[in-house]
Amino acid sequence: MTVAVRRIEQAIAAAVVVVLTLGVVLVLMNVATQLWEGFRFGLDGYDLTKLLSEALLALMIAEIIASVASLYERRTLEARPLLVIGIIASIRRLLVISAEAADFIAQGGTVPTSMLVELGILTVAVGVFAWSMRQVEGVPGEGVRT
C-alpha cells in the first residue's frame, strides 16, 4: 500500500511540475509579446511596471517548480526557495502598488491610506523574509521531511 501511495504522490508532483512549466512558458511568451509591442509602439511607466510584474511572476513560478522538484527528489521541503518566493511576491506587489500610486498622483488625486499601509506591510515582509533567509543559511538540513 505504501508503495502505491508513494507512486501516486510522485505522479501528482510530476503533473504539477508539467502544469507549472507550461504556465511559466505562457507567462514568458506573454512578456516577450508585450516587450516586442513595447519596442514597436512604446511603453509608458505603467506598462513597464506590468511587464516587470509578469516577469517576476515567471520567476516565482520557476522557484515553485524548483521547490516541487526538490520535494520530489529529496523528500524534503526546503525553506529557502519558499522564502525567495515570498520576497519576489512582495516586491512584485510593491511594484504594482507603486505604479497605481503614481497614477493617482498623476491624475491629481491623493494616494489612499490603504495603499500606504499595504506598502508598509510589504516592506516589513521583505525584511522579515530576508532575515529568515539569513537564519536558515546557518542551519544544516533545514528542510522539513515529508
C-alpha atoms as a PDB file:
ATOM      1  CA  MET A   1       0.000   0.000   0.000  1.00  0.00           C
ATOM      2  CA  THR A   2       2.788   2.445   0.855  1.00  0.00           C
ATOM      3  CA  VAL A   3       4.479   1.901  -2.495  1.00  0.00           C
ATOM      4  CA  ALA A   4       1.229   2.679  -4.308  1.00  0.00           C
ATOM      5  CA  VAL A   5       0.725   5.854  -2.274  1.00  0.00           C
ATOM      6  CA  ARG A   6       4.314   6.966  -2.997  1.00  0.00           C
ATOM      7  CA  ARG A   7       3.826   6.397  -6.725  1.00  0.00           C
ATOM      8  CA  ILE A   8       0.571   8.346  -6.706  1.00  0.00           C
ATOM      9  CA  GLU A   9       2.324  11.158  -4.838  1.00  0.00           C
ATOM     10  CA  GLN A  10       5.177  11.139  -7.363  1.00  0.00           C
ATOM     11  CA  ALA A  11       2.726  11.174 -10.276  1.00  0.00           C
ATOM     12  CA  ILE A  12       0.921  14.163  -8.763  1.00  0.00           C
ATOM     13  CA  ALA A  13       4.225  16.000  -8.217  1.00  0.00           C
ATOM     14  CA  ALA A  14       5.287  15.298 -11.802  1.00  0.00           C
ATOM     15  CA  ALA A  15       1.917  16.538 -13.110  1.00  0.00           C
ATOM     16  CA  VAL A  16       2.240  19.718 -11.020  1.00  0.00           C
ATOM     17  CA  VAL A  17       5.722  20.350 -12.455  1.00  0.00           C
ATOM     18  CA  VAL A  18       4.391  19.892 -16.009  1.00  0.00           C
ATOM     19  CA  VAL A  19       1.463  22.268 -15.411  1.00  0.00           C
ATOM     20  CA  LEU A  20       3.714  24.881 -13.766  1.00  0.00           C
ATOM     21  CA  THR A  21       6.233  24.591 -16.601  1.00  0.00           C
ATOM     22  CA  LEU A  22       3.519  25.173 -19.172  1.00  0.00           C
ATOM     23  CA  GLY A  23       2.285  28.120 -17.107  1.00  0.00           C
ATOM     24  CA  VAL A  24       5.714  29.735 -16.947  1.00  0.00           C
ATOM     25  CA  VAL A  25       6.166  29.247 -20.701  1.00  0.00           C
ATOM     26  CA  LEU A  26       2.833  31.015 -21.323  1.00  0.00           C
ATOM     27  CA  VAL A  27       3.766  33.867 -18.976  1.00  0.00           C
ATOM     28  CA  LEU A  28       7.155  34.286 -20.658  1.00  0.00           C
ATOM     29  CA  MET A  29       5.542  34.257 -24.104  1.00  0.00           C
ATOM     30  CA  ASN A  30       3.164  36.983 -22.924  1.00  0.00           C
ATOM     31  CA  VAL A  31       6.082  39.023 -21.537  1.00  0.00           C
ATOM     32  CA  ALA A  32       8.011  38.618 -24.797  1.00  0.00           C
ATOM     33  CA  THR A  33       4.962  39.682 -26.831  1.00  0.00           C
ATOM     34  CA  GLN A  34       4.362  42.744 -24.653  1.00  0.00           C
ATOM     35  CA  LEU A  35       8.050  43.646 -24.784  1.00  0.00           C
ATOM     36  CA  TRP A  36       8.047  43.391 -28.582  1.00  0.00           C
ATOM     37  CA  GLU A  37       4.936  45.575 -28.804  1.00  0.00           C
ATOM     38  CA  GLY A  38       6.588  47.992 -26.394  1.00  0.00           C
ATOM     39  CA  PHE A  39       9.580  48.286 -28.683  1.00  0.00           C
ATOM     40  CA  ARG A  40       7.307  48.875 -31.674  1.00  0.00           C
ATOM     41  CA  PHE A  41       4.756  51.248 -30.139  1.00  0.00           C
ATOM     42  CA  GLY A  42       6.406  52.459 -26.927  1.00  0.00           C
ATOM     43  CA  LEU A  43       5.903  51.644 -23.267  1.00  0.00           C
ATOM     44  CA  ASP A  44       4.751  54.053 -20.616  1.00  0.00           C
ATOM     45  CA  GLY A  45       5.733  53.654 -16.974  1.00  0.00           C
ATOM     46  CA  TYR A  46       2.633  51.687 -16.007  1.00  0.00           C
ATOM     47  CA  ASP A  47       3.038  49.236 -18.909  1.00  0.00           C
ATOM     48  CA  LEU A  48       6.671  48.707 -17.962  1.00  0.00           C
ATOM     49  CA  THR A  49       5.641  48.023 -14.359  1.00  0.00           C
ATOM     50  CA  LYS A  50       3.069  45.458 -15.539  1.00  0.00           C
ATOM     51  CA  LEU A  51       5.750  43.846 -17.698  1.00  0.00           C
ATOM     52  CA  LEU A  52       8.152  43.618 -14.767  1.00  0.00           C
ATOM     53  CA  SER A  53       5.355  42.227 -12.617  1.00  0.00           C
ATOM     54  CA  GLU A  54       4.717  39.436 -15.121  1.00  0.00           C
ATOM     55  CA  ALA A  55       8.437  38.692 -15.392  1.00  0.00           C
ATOM     56  CA  LEU A  56       8.589  38.383 -11.602  1.00  0.00           C
ATOM     57  CA  LEU A  57       5.569  36.063 -11.765  1.00  0.00           C
ATOM     58  CA  ALA A  58       7.557  33.820 -14.117  1.00  0.00           C
ATOM     59  CA  LEU A  59      10.439  33.863 -11.637  1.00  0.00           C
ATOM     60  CA  MET A  60       8.055  32.915  -8.809  1.00  0.00           C
ATOM     61  CA  ILE A  61       6.693  30.001 -10.823  1.00  0.00           C
ATOM     62  CA  ALA A  62      10.262  28.862 -11.545  1.00  0.00           C
ATOM     63  CA  GLU A  63      11.009  28.864  -7.808  1.00  0.00           C
ATOM     64  CA  ILE A  64       7.825  26.893  -7.141  1.00  0.00           C
ATOM     65  CA  ILE A  65       8.910  24.349  -9.766  1.00  0.00           C
ATOM     66  CA  ALA A  66      12.287  24.062  -8.035  1.00  0.00           C
ATOM     67  CA  SER A  67      10.552  23.527  -4.675  1.00  0.00           C
ATOM     68  CA  VAL A  68       8.285  20.814  -6.043  1.00  0.00           C
ATOM     69  CA  ALA A  69      11.219  19.148  -7.819  1.00  0.00           C
ATOM     70  CA  SER A  70      13.253  19.228  -4.596  1.00  0.00           C
ATOM     71  CA  LEU A  71      10.352  17.728  -2.684  1.00  0.00           C
ATOM     72  CA  TYR A  72      10.005  15.071  -5.386  1.00  0.00           C
ATOM     73  CA  GLU A  73      13.720  14.153  -5.452  1.00  0.00           C
ATOM     74  CA  ARG A  74      14.888  14.556  -1.848  1.00  0.00           C
ATOM     75  CA  ARG A  75      11.636  14.072   0.037  1.00  0.00           C
ATOM     76  CA  THR A  76      12.322  17.314   1.929  1.00  0.00           C
ATOM     77  CA  LEU A  77      10.719  20.713   1.677  1.00  0.00           C
ATOM     78  CA  GLU A  78      13.428  23.352   1.652  1.00  0.00           C
ATOM     79  CA  ALA A  79      12.714  26.669   3.352  1.00  0.00           C
ATOM     80  CA  ARG A  80      14.985  28.837   1.193  1.00  0.00           C
ATOM     81  CA  PRO A  81      13.037  28.607  -2.118  1.00  0.00           C
ATOM     82  CA  LEU A  82       9.799  29.376  -0.286  1.00  0.00           C
ATOM     83  CA  LEU A  83      11.356  32.450   1.310  1.00  0.00           C
ATOM     84  CA  VAL A  84      12.636  33.561  -2.100  1.00  0.00           C
ATOM     85  CA  ILE A  85       9.092  33.190  -3.453  1.00  0.00           C
ATOM     86  CA  GLY A  86       7.836  35.367  -0.583  1.00  0.00           C
ATOM     87  CA  ILE A  87      10.416  38.054  -1.334  1.00  0.00           C
ATOM     88  CA  ILE A  88       9.661  38.038  -5.065  1.00  0.00           C
ATOM     89  CA  ALA A  89       5.892  38.140  -4.451  1.00  0.00           C
ATOM     90  CA  SER A  90       6.269  41.058  -2.048  1.00  0.00           C
ATOM     91  CA  ILE A  91       8.492  43.015  -4.428  1.00  0.00           C
ATOM     92  CA  ARG A  92       6.088  42.284  -7.290  1.00  0.00           C
ATOM     93  CA  ARG A  93       3.181  43.686  -5.282  1.00  0.00           C
ATOM     94  CA  LEU A  94       5.301  46.697  -4.236  1.00  0.00           C
ATOM     95  CA  LEU A  95       5.878  47.476  -7.925  1.00  0.00           C
ATOM     96  CA  VAL A  96       2.183  47.241  -8.750  1.00  0.00           C
ATOM     97  CA  ILE A  97       1.131  49.423  -5.810  1.00  0.00           C
ATOM     98  CA  SER A  98       3.823  51.978  -6.668  1.00  0.00           C
ATOM     99  CA  ALA A  99       2.550  52.183 -10.251  1.00  0.00           C
ATOM    100  CA  GLU A 100      -1.052  52.567  -9.062  1.00  0.00           C
ATOM    101  CA  ALA A 101       0.011  55.263  -6.587  1.00  0.00           C
ATOM    102  CA  ALA A 102       1.868  57.090  -9.357  1.00  0.00           C
ATOM    103  CA  ASP A 103      -1.341  57.022 -11.433  1.00  0.00           C
ATOM    104  CA  PHE A 104      -3.308  58.547  -8.544  1.00  0.00           C
ATOM    105  CA  ILE A 105      -0.740  61.317  -8.193  1.00  0.00           C
ATOM    106  CA  ALA A 106      -0.569  61.925 -11.975  1.00  0.00           C
ATOM    107  CA  GLN A 107      -4.357  62.376 -12.036  1.00  0.00           C
ATOM    108  CA  GLY A 108      -4.116  64.941  -9.251  1.00  0.00           C
ATOM    109  CA  GLY A 109      -5.582  62.697  -6.573  1.00  0.00           C
ATOM    110  CA  THR A 110      -4.208  61.539  -3.270  1.00  0.00           C
ATOM    111  CA  VAL A 111      -2.898  58.071  -2.591  1.00  0.00           C
ATOM    112  CA  PRO A 112      -5.378  56.066  -0.487  1.00  0.00           C
ATOM    113  CA  THR A 113      -4.270  55.272   3.038  1.00  0.00           C
ATOM    114  CA  SER A 114      -4.863  51.563   2.421  1.00  0.00           C
ATOM    115  CA  MET A 115      -2.184  51.600  -0.282  1.00  0.00           C
ATOM    116  CA  LEU A 116       0.289  53.255   2.044  1.00  0.00           C
ATOM    117  CA  VAL A 117      -0.470  50.712   4.775  1.00  0.00           C
ATOM    118  CA  GLU A 118      -0.003  47.858   2.311  1.00  0.00           C
ATOM    119  CA  LEU A 119       3.311  49.355   1.166  1.00  0.00           C
ATOM    120  CA  GLY A 120       4.455  49.456   4.780  1.00  0.00           C
ATOM    121  CA  ILE A 121       3.389  45.874   5.468  1.00  0.00           C
ATOM    122  CA  LEU A 122       5.069  44.605   2.307  1.00  0.00           C
ATOM    123  CA  THR A 123       8.280  46.454   3.152  1.00  0.00           C
ATOM    124  CA  VAL A 124       8.320  44.841   6.590  1.00  0.00           C
ATOM    125  CA  ALA A 125       7.546  41.451   4.989  1.00  0.00           C
ATOM    126  CA  VAL A 126      10.558  41.724   2.677  1.00  0.00           C
ATOM    127  CA  GLY A 127      12.723  42.486   5.712  1.00  0.00           C
ATOM    128  CA  VAL A 128      11.323  39.516   7.634  1.00  0.00           C
ATOM    129  CA  PHE A 129      11.844  37.192   4.650  1.00  0.00           C
ATOM    130  CA  ALA A 130      15.430  38.433   4.241  1.00  0.00           C
ATOM    131  CA  TRP A 131      16.107  37.984   7.961  1.00  0.00           C
ATOM    132  CA  SER A 132      14.616  34.486   7.797  1.00  0.00           C
ATOM    133  CA  MET A 133      16.893  33.625   4.870  1.00  0.00           C
ATOM    134  CA  ARG A 134      19.886  34.629   6.993  1.00  0.00           C
ATOM    135  CA  GLN A 135      18.627  32.442   9.830  1.00  0.00           C
ATOM    136  CA  VAL A 136      18.135  29.443   7.524  1.00  0.00           C
ATOM    137  CA  GLU A 137      21.585  29.856   5.926  1.00  0.00           C
ATOM    138  CA  GLY A 138      23.439  28.654   9.001  1.00  0.00           C
ATOM    139  CA  VAL A 139      21.139  25.730   9.783  1.00  0.00           C
ATOM    140  CA  PRO A 140      22.313  22.435   8.260  1.00  0.00           C
ATOM    141  CA  GLY A 141      19.492  20.320   6.833  1.00  0.00           C
ATOM    142  CA  GLU A 142      16.825  22.990   7.269  1.00  0.00           C
ATOM    143  CA  GLY A 143      14.403  21.041   5.073  1.00  0.00           C
ATOM    144  CA  VAL A 144      11.226  19.577   6.509  1.00  0.00           C
ATOM    145  CA  ARG A 145      10.877  15.832   5.948  1.00  0.00           C
ATOM    146  CA  THR A 146       7.667  14.618   4.367  1.00  0.00           C
END
